[in-house]
N, C-alpha and C. Protein backbone atom coordinates (compact mmCIF):
# COMPACT_ATOMS: atom_id res chain seq x y z
N UNK A 1 -273.69 -27.35 103.20
CA UNK A 1 -275.11 -26.73 102.21
C UNK A 1 -275.69 -28.16 101.73
N UNK A 2 -276.47 -28.03 101.63
CA UNK A 2 -277.69 -29.04 100.94
C UNK A 2 -277.63 -28.42 99.43
N UNK A 3 -278.48 -29.44 98.55
CA UNK A 3 -278.19 -29.19 97.18
C UNK A 3 -279.92 -29.62 96.90
N UNK A 4 -279.99 -29.14 95.51
CA UNK A 4 -281.51 -29.12 94.96
C UNK A 4 -281.37 -30.73 93.95
N UNK A 5 -282.00 -31.86 94.86
CA UNK A 5 -281.91 -32.93 94.31
C UNK A 5 -283.00 -33.17 92.89
N UNK A 6 -283.70 -32.33 92.78
CA UNK A 6 -284.83 -32.55 91.69
C UNK A 6 -283.30 -31.92 90.47
N UNK A 7 -282.68 -30.85 90.97
CA UNK A 7 -281.93 -30.63 89.76
C UNK A 7 -280.52 -31.37 89.62
N UNK A 8 -280.45 -32.35 90.40
CA UNK A 8 -279.08 -33.48 90.39
C UNK A 8 -279.77 -34.59 89.27
N UNK A 9 -281.07 -34.86 89.80
CA UNK A 9 -282.08 -35.83 88.85
C UNK A 9 -281.68 -35.38 87.20
N UNK A 10 -282.40 -34.26 87.21
CA UNK A 10 -282.16 -33.83 85.82
C UNK A 10 -280.82 -33.67 85.12
N UNK A 11 -279.60 -33.83 86.03
CA UNK A 11 -278.76 -33.83 84.97
C UNK A 11 -278.23 -35.41 85.05
N UNK A 12 -278.53 -36.25 85.92
CA UNK A 12 -278.36 -37.46 85.45
C UNK A 12 -278.89 -37.79 84.24
N UNK A 13 -280.11 -37.70 84.25
CA UNK A 13 -281.03 -37.67 82.80
C UNK A 13 -280.32 -37.57 81.42
N UNK A 14 -279.38 -36.09 81.97
CA UNK A 14 -278.97 -35.68 80.60
C UNK A 14 -277.92 -36.44 80.19
N UNK A 15 -276.65 -36.79 81.79
CA UNK A 15 -275.90 -37.42 81.23
C UNK A 15 -276.01 -38.90 80.74
N UNK A 16 -277.13 -39.94 81.03
CA UNK A 16 -277.30 -41.05 80.96
C UNK A 16 -276.74 -42.05 81.87
N UNK A 17 -276.84 -43.37 81.90
CA UNK A 17 -276.02 -44.22 82.09
C UNK A 17 -274.64 -44.25 81.77
N UNK A 18 -273.55 -44.32 82.11
CA UNK A 18 -272.31 -43.92 81.36
C UNK A 18 -271.28 -44.86 82.30
N UNK A 19 -270.45 -45.47 81.73
CA UNK A 19 -269.04 -46.18 82.98
C UNK A 19 -267.89 -45.38 83.42
N UNK A 20 -268.17 -44.06 82.41
CA UNK A 20 -266.98 -42.95 82.75
C UNK A 20 -267.36 -42.28 84.04
N UNK A 21 -268.92 -42.23 84.28
CA UNK A 21 -269.37 -41.40 85.05
C UNK A 21 -269.63 -41.52 86.58
N UNK A 22 -269.33 -40.66 87.57
CA UNK A 22 -269.31 -40.87 88.81
C UNK A 22 -269.70 -39.91 89.41
N UNK A 23 -270.19 -39.75 90.73
CA UNK A 23 -271.10 -38.83 91.37
C UNK A 23 -270.12 -38.27 93.34
N UNK A 24 -269.47 -37.39 92.76
CA UNK A 24 -268.94 -37.19 94.28
C UNK A 24 -269.65 -35.73 95.25
N UNK A 25 -269.26 -36.07 96.30
CA UNK A 25 -270.31 -34.81 97.37
C UNK A 25 -269.02 -34.10 97.37
N UNK A 26 -269.07 -32.99 96.70
CA UNK A 26 -267.81 -31.72 96.85
C UNK A 26 -268.38 -30.23 96.78
N UNK A 27 -267.86 -29.21 97.31
CA UNK A 27 -268.27 -27.94 96.89
C UNK A 27 -269.53 -27.71 97.70
N UNK A 28 -269.82 -28.38 98.84
CA UNK A 28 -270.88 -28.85 99.67
C UNK A 28 -272.14 -29.19 99.27
N UNK A 29 -271.76 -29.67 97.90
CA UNK A 29 -273.24 -30.13 96.71
C UNK A 29 -272.50 -31.50 96.29
N UNK A 30 -273.22 -31.58 95.09
CA UNK A 30 -272.65 -33.23 94.49
C UNK A 30 -272.07 -32.60 92.74
N UNK A 31 -271.04 -33.18 93.13
CA UNK A 31 -270.39 -33.25 91.54
C UNK A 31 -270.81 -34.16 90.71
N UNK A 32 -270.71 -33.93 89.28
CA UNK A 32 -270.57 -34.70 88.64
C UNK A 32 -269.10 -34.94 87.59
N UNK A 33 -268.59 -36.56 87.83
CA UNK A 33 -267.28 -36.61 87.21
C UNK A 33 -267.32 -37.68 86.06
N UNK A 34 -266.57 -37.10 85.07
CA UNK A 34 -266.41 -37.58 83.70
C UNK A 34 -265.48 -38.64 83.32
N UNK A 35 -264.96 -39.61 83.23
CA UNK A 35 -263.12 -39.69 83.07
C UNK A 35 -262.92 -39.38 84.61
N UNK A 36 -263.00 -38.93 85.67
CA UNK A 36 -262.22 -38.58 86.91
C UNK A 36 -262.31 -37.03 86.97
N UNK A 37 -262.61 -36.84 85.87
CA UNK A 37 -262.62 -35.00 85.92
C UNK A 37 -264.03 -34.14 85.88
N UNK A 38 -263.82 -33.51 86.93
CA UNK A 38 -265.27 -32.59 87.19
C UNK A 38 -265.84 -32.00 86.23
N UNK A 39 -266.94 -31.80 85.96
CA UNK A 39 -267.75 -31.47 84.67
C UNK A 39 -269.07 -30.53 84.91
N UNK A 40 -269.93 -31.04 86.16
CA UNK A 40 -270.95 -30.01 86.78
C UNK A 40 -271.19 -30.75 87.78
N UNK A 41 -271.97 -29.50 88.56
CA UNK A 41 -272.35 -29.90 90.09
C UNK A 41 -273.49 -29.00 90.38
N UNK A 42 -273.88 -29.55 91.73
CA UNK A 42 -275.21 -28.77 92.09
C UNK A 42 -274.50 -28.28 93.78
N UNK A 43 -275.21 -26.93 93.62
CA UNK A 43 -274.57 -26.44 94.64
C UNK A 43 -275.70 -25.65 95.36
N UNK A 44 -276.45 -26.18 96.36
CA UNK A 44 -277.79 -25.13 96.80
C UNK A 44 -278.63 -25.64 95.11
N UNK A 45 -279.22 -24.36 94.87
CA UNK A 45 -280.26 -24.54 93.63
C UNK A 45 -279.22 -24.35 92.74
N UNK A 46 -277.98 -24.25 92.43
CA UNK A 46 -277.43 -23.14 91.49
C UNK A 46 -276.46 -24.66 90.86
N UNK A 47 -275.99 -24.52 89.57
CA UNK A 47 -274.75 -25.67 89.00
C UNK A 47 -273.63 -24.79 88.60
N UNK A 48 -273.16 -25.54 89.04
CA UNK A 48 -271.29 -25.13 88.93
C UNK A 48 -271.10 -26.04 87.36
N UNK A 49 -269.68 -25.26 86.80
CA UNK A 49 -269.85 -25.98 85.17
C UNK A 49 -268.48 -25.46 85.10
N UNK A 50 -267.82 -26.73 84.52
CA UNK A 50 -266.55 -26.43 84.50
C UNK A 50 -266.34 -26.14 83.13
N UNK A 51 -265.96 -25.02 82.76
CA UNK A 51 -265.51 -24.92 80.96
C UNK A 51 -264.53 -24.62 80.29
N UNK A 52 -263.42 -24.79 81.51
CA UNK A 52 -261.86 -24.35 81.23
C UNK A 52 -261.70 -23.04 81.01
N UNK A 53 -260.37 -22.99 81.08
CA UNK A 53 -259.98 -21.31 80.77
C UNK A 53 -260.48 -20.53 79.89
N UNK A 54 -259.97 -21.04 78.84
CA UNK A 54 -260.38 -20.46 77.40
C UNK A 54 -261.33 -20.46 77.16
N UNK A 55 -262.87 -21.02 77.62
CA UNK A 55 -264.18 -21.00 77.91
C UNK A 55 -264.67 -20.36 78.39
N UNK A 56 -264.30 -19.89 79.61
CA UNK A 56 -264.31 -18.74 80.28
C UNK A 56 -264.90 -17.48 79.95
N UNK A 57 -264.62 -17.13 79.20
CA UNK A 57 -265.06 -15.37 78.68
C UNK A 57 -266.36 -15.82 78.06
N UNK A 58 -266.57 -16.46 77.30
CA UNK A 58 -267.67 -16.68 76.56
C UNK A 58 -268.71 -17.24 77.08
N UNK A 59 -268.25 -18.08 78.34
CA UNK A 59 -269.40 -18.55 79.45
C UNK A 59 -270.43 -17.23 79.64
N UNK A 60 -269.06 -16.59 80.49
CA UNK A 60 -269.45 -15.50 81.41
C UNK A 60 -270.40 -14.40 80.76
N UNK A 61 -270.45 -14.56 79.22
CA UNK A 61 -271.06 -13.35 78.37
C UNK A 61 -273.14 -13.94 78.56
N UNK A 62 -272.85 -14.86 78.93
CA UNK A 62 -274.40 -15.43 79.45
C UNK A 62 -274.95 -14.98 79.77
N UNK A 63 -276.54 -14.26 80.39
CA UNK A 63 -276.74 -13.71 81.57
C UNK A 63 -276.99 -14.62 82.68
N UNK A 64 -277.19 -15.60 82.62
CA UNK A 64 -277.45 -16.37 83.74
C UNK A 64 -276.09 -17.45 84.45
N UNK A 65 -275.11 -17.06 83.85
CA UNK A 65 -273.67 -17.14 84.13
C UNK A 65 -272.55 -16.27 85.04
N UNK A 66 -272.24 -16.49 86.18
CA UNK A 66 -271.12 -15.80 86.73
C UNK A 66 -270.21 -16.59 87.15
N UNK A 67 -269.02 -15.63 87.52
CA UNK A 67 -268.28 -16.42 88.22
C UNK A 67 -268.24 -17.64 89.58
N UNK A 68 -267.54 -18.33 89.02
CA UNK A 68 -267.43 -19.65 90.38
C UNK A 68 -266.72 -18.86 91.32
N UNK A 69 -267.27 -18.44 92.55
CA UNK A 69 -266.49 -18.30 93.42
C UNK A 69 -267.09 -18.44 95.55
N UNK A 70 -266.12 -19.54 95.87
CA UNK A 70 -266.75 -19.94 97.37
C UNK A 70 -265.62 -19.39 98.36
N UNK A 71 -264.62 -19.10 97.59
CA UNK A 71 -263.37 -18.29 98.88
C UNK A 71 -263.02 -17.04 98.83
N UNK A 72 -263.85 -15.97 97.79
CA UNK A 72 -263.43 -15.02 97.85
C UNK A 72 -262.43 -14.45 96.39
N UNK A 73 -261.81 -15.90 95.85
CA UNK A 73 -261.29 -15.89 94.64
C UNK A 73 -261.77 -16.81 93.76
N UNK A 74 -262.56 -15.98 92.27
CA UNK A 74 -263.13 -17.03 91.30
C UNK A 74 -262.01 -17.91 90.79
N UNK A 75 -262.44 -19.22 90.60
CA UNK A 75 -261.98 -20.33 90.20
C UNK A 75 -261.94 -20.01 88.76
N UNK A 76 -261.20 -20.06 88.39
CA UNK A 76 -260.49 -19.69 86.77
C UNK A 76 -261.03 -21.13 85.75
N UNK A 77 -261.92 -21.04 85.08
CA UNK A 77 -262.29 -21.95 84.31
C UNK A 77 -263.76 -22.81 84.41
N UNK A 78 -264.67 -21.72 85.85
CA UNK A 78 -265.45 -22.31 86.16
C UNK A 78 -266.64 -21.54 86.12
N UNK A 79 -267.92 -21.58 86.32
CA UNK A 79 -268.49 -20.37 86.30
C UNK A 79 -270.16 -21.31 87.23
N UNK A 80 -270.79 -20.40 87.45
CA UNK A 80 -272.08 -20.84 88.76
C UNK A 80 -272.83 -20.18 87.56
N UNK A 81 -274.17 -20.76 87.80
CA UNK A 81 -275.21 -20.63 86.81
C UNK A 81 -276.48 -20.44 87.75
N UNK A 82 -276.90 -19.51 87.45
CA UNK A 82 -278.31 -19.27 88.52
C UNK A 82 -279.08 -20.51 88.70
N UNK A 83 -279.59 -20.17 89.69
CA UNK A 83 -280.69 -21.80 89.86
C UNK A 83 -282.10 -21.00 89.10
N UNK A 84 -282.51 -19.84 88.97
CA UNK A 84 -284.11 -19.39 88.28
C UNK A 84 -283.84 -20.19 86.87
N UNK A 85 -282.69 -19.73 86.67
CA UNK A 85 -282.51 -19.75 84.83
C UNK A 85 -282.33 -21.14 84.43
N UNK A 86 -282.24 -22.28 85.12
CA UNK A 86 -282.00 -23.85 85.33
C UNK A 86 -283.75 -24.24 85.11
N UNK A 87 -284.54 -23.24 85.52
CA UNK A 87 -285.77 -24.29 85.12
C UNK A 87 -286.05 -24.59 83.78
N UNK A 88 -285.06 -23.91 82.62
CA UNK A 88 -285.59 -24.08 81.13
C UNK A 88 -284.65 -25.03 80.75
N UNK A 89 -285.23 -25.89 80.14
CA UNK A 89 -284.60 -27.40 80.09
C UNK A 89 -283.14 -26.82 78.75
N UNK A 90 -283.19 -26.38 77.92
CA UNK A 90 -282.29 -25.71 77.31
C UNK A 90 -281.62 -25.25 77.28
N UNK A 91 -281.34 -24.34 78.77
CA UNK A 91 -280.61 -23.83 79.61
C UNK A 91 -279.33 -24.92 79.94
N UNK A 92 -280.14 -25.88 80.64
CA UNK A 92 -279.45 -27.04 81.18
C UNK A 92 -278.99 -27.73 80.79
N UNK A 93 -279.32 -27.75 79.54
CA UNK A 93 -278.89 -28.65 78.30
C UNK A 93 -277.47 -28.38 77.88
N UNK A 94 -277.89 -27.16 77.75
CA UNK A 94 -276.24 -26.31 77.20
C UNK A 94 -275.35 -26.18 77.79
N UNK A 95 -275.27 -25.93 79.38
CA UNK A 95 -274.56 -26.12 79.96
C UNK A 95 -273.79 -27.46 80.18
N UNK A 96 -274.70 -28.65 80.24
CA UNK A 96 -274.11 -29.94 80.18
C UNK A 96 -273.30 -30.25 79.25
N UNK A 97 -273.78 -29.87 78.10
CA UNK A 97 -272.93 -29.97 77.10
C UNK A 97 -271.76 -28.96 77.15
N UNK A 98 -271.53 -28.05 77.60
CA UNK A 98 -270.40 -27.43 77.32
C UNK A 98 -269.22 -27.77 78.31
N UNK A 99 -270.03 -28.09 79.06
CA UNK A 99 -269.02 -28.92 80.62
C UNK A 99 -268.26 -30.43 80.02
N UNK A 100 -269.33 -31.38 79.27
CA UNK A 100 -269.32 -32.68 78.96
C UNK A 100 -268.17 -32.28 78.00
N UNK A 101 -267.87 -31.32 77.15
CA UNK A 101 -267.31 -31.21 75.73
C UNK A 101 -265.96 -30.83 76.08
N UNK A 102 -265.67 -30.31 76.89
CA UNK A 102 -264.30 -29.64 77.72
C UNK A 102 -263.93 -30.86 78.34
N UNK A 103 -264.80 -31.87 79.13
CA UNK A 103 -264.12 -32.59 79.80
C UNK A 103 -263.67 -33.73 79.13
N UNK A 104 -264.12 -33.88 77.70
CA UNK A 104 -263.90 -34.83 77.24
C UNK A 104 -262.37 -34.57 76.27
N UNK A 105 -261.80 -33.42 76.52
CA UNK A 105 -260.22 -32.95 76.24
C UNK A 105 -259.22 -33.22 77.05
N UNK A 106 -259.93 -33.95 78.51
CA UNK A 106 -258.37 -33.87 79.20
C UNK A 106 -258.64 -35.33 79.39
N UNK A 107 -257.55 -35.90 79.71
CA UNK A 107 -257.09 -36.77 80.09
C UNK A 107 -257.84 -37.78 81.02
N UNK A 108 -257.90 -38.57 81.31
CA UNK A 108 -258.65 -39.83 82.50
C UNK A 108 -258.01 -39.50 83.60
N UNK A 109 -258.19 -39.74 84.51
CA UNK A 109 -257.71 -39.82 86.00
C UNK A 109 -257.88 -40.80 86.17
């Protein structure tokens, strides 16, 4: 699977240059890691977002989100955000902020 390089670049711009930020090809796309912890990624034209188990219900209440499911079993603590919704900067900003806030609660790897 290829990923939307334009979306990846928009994510890079929002995350900024940080010594704790790395990129890794995963899930058939590109994933961004903070302190070695996965936060957000791009799969096709969609965003995958790590919200944590406690944040899943609240994240799924948003209309653009659905459970992340690559294998037939949804991954708890992750959601997928539809590509068309990501055209709005405010939507992308919300999800990046949500993911980085959760990643900040995790110990570095």
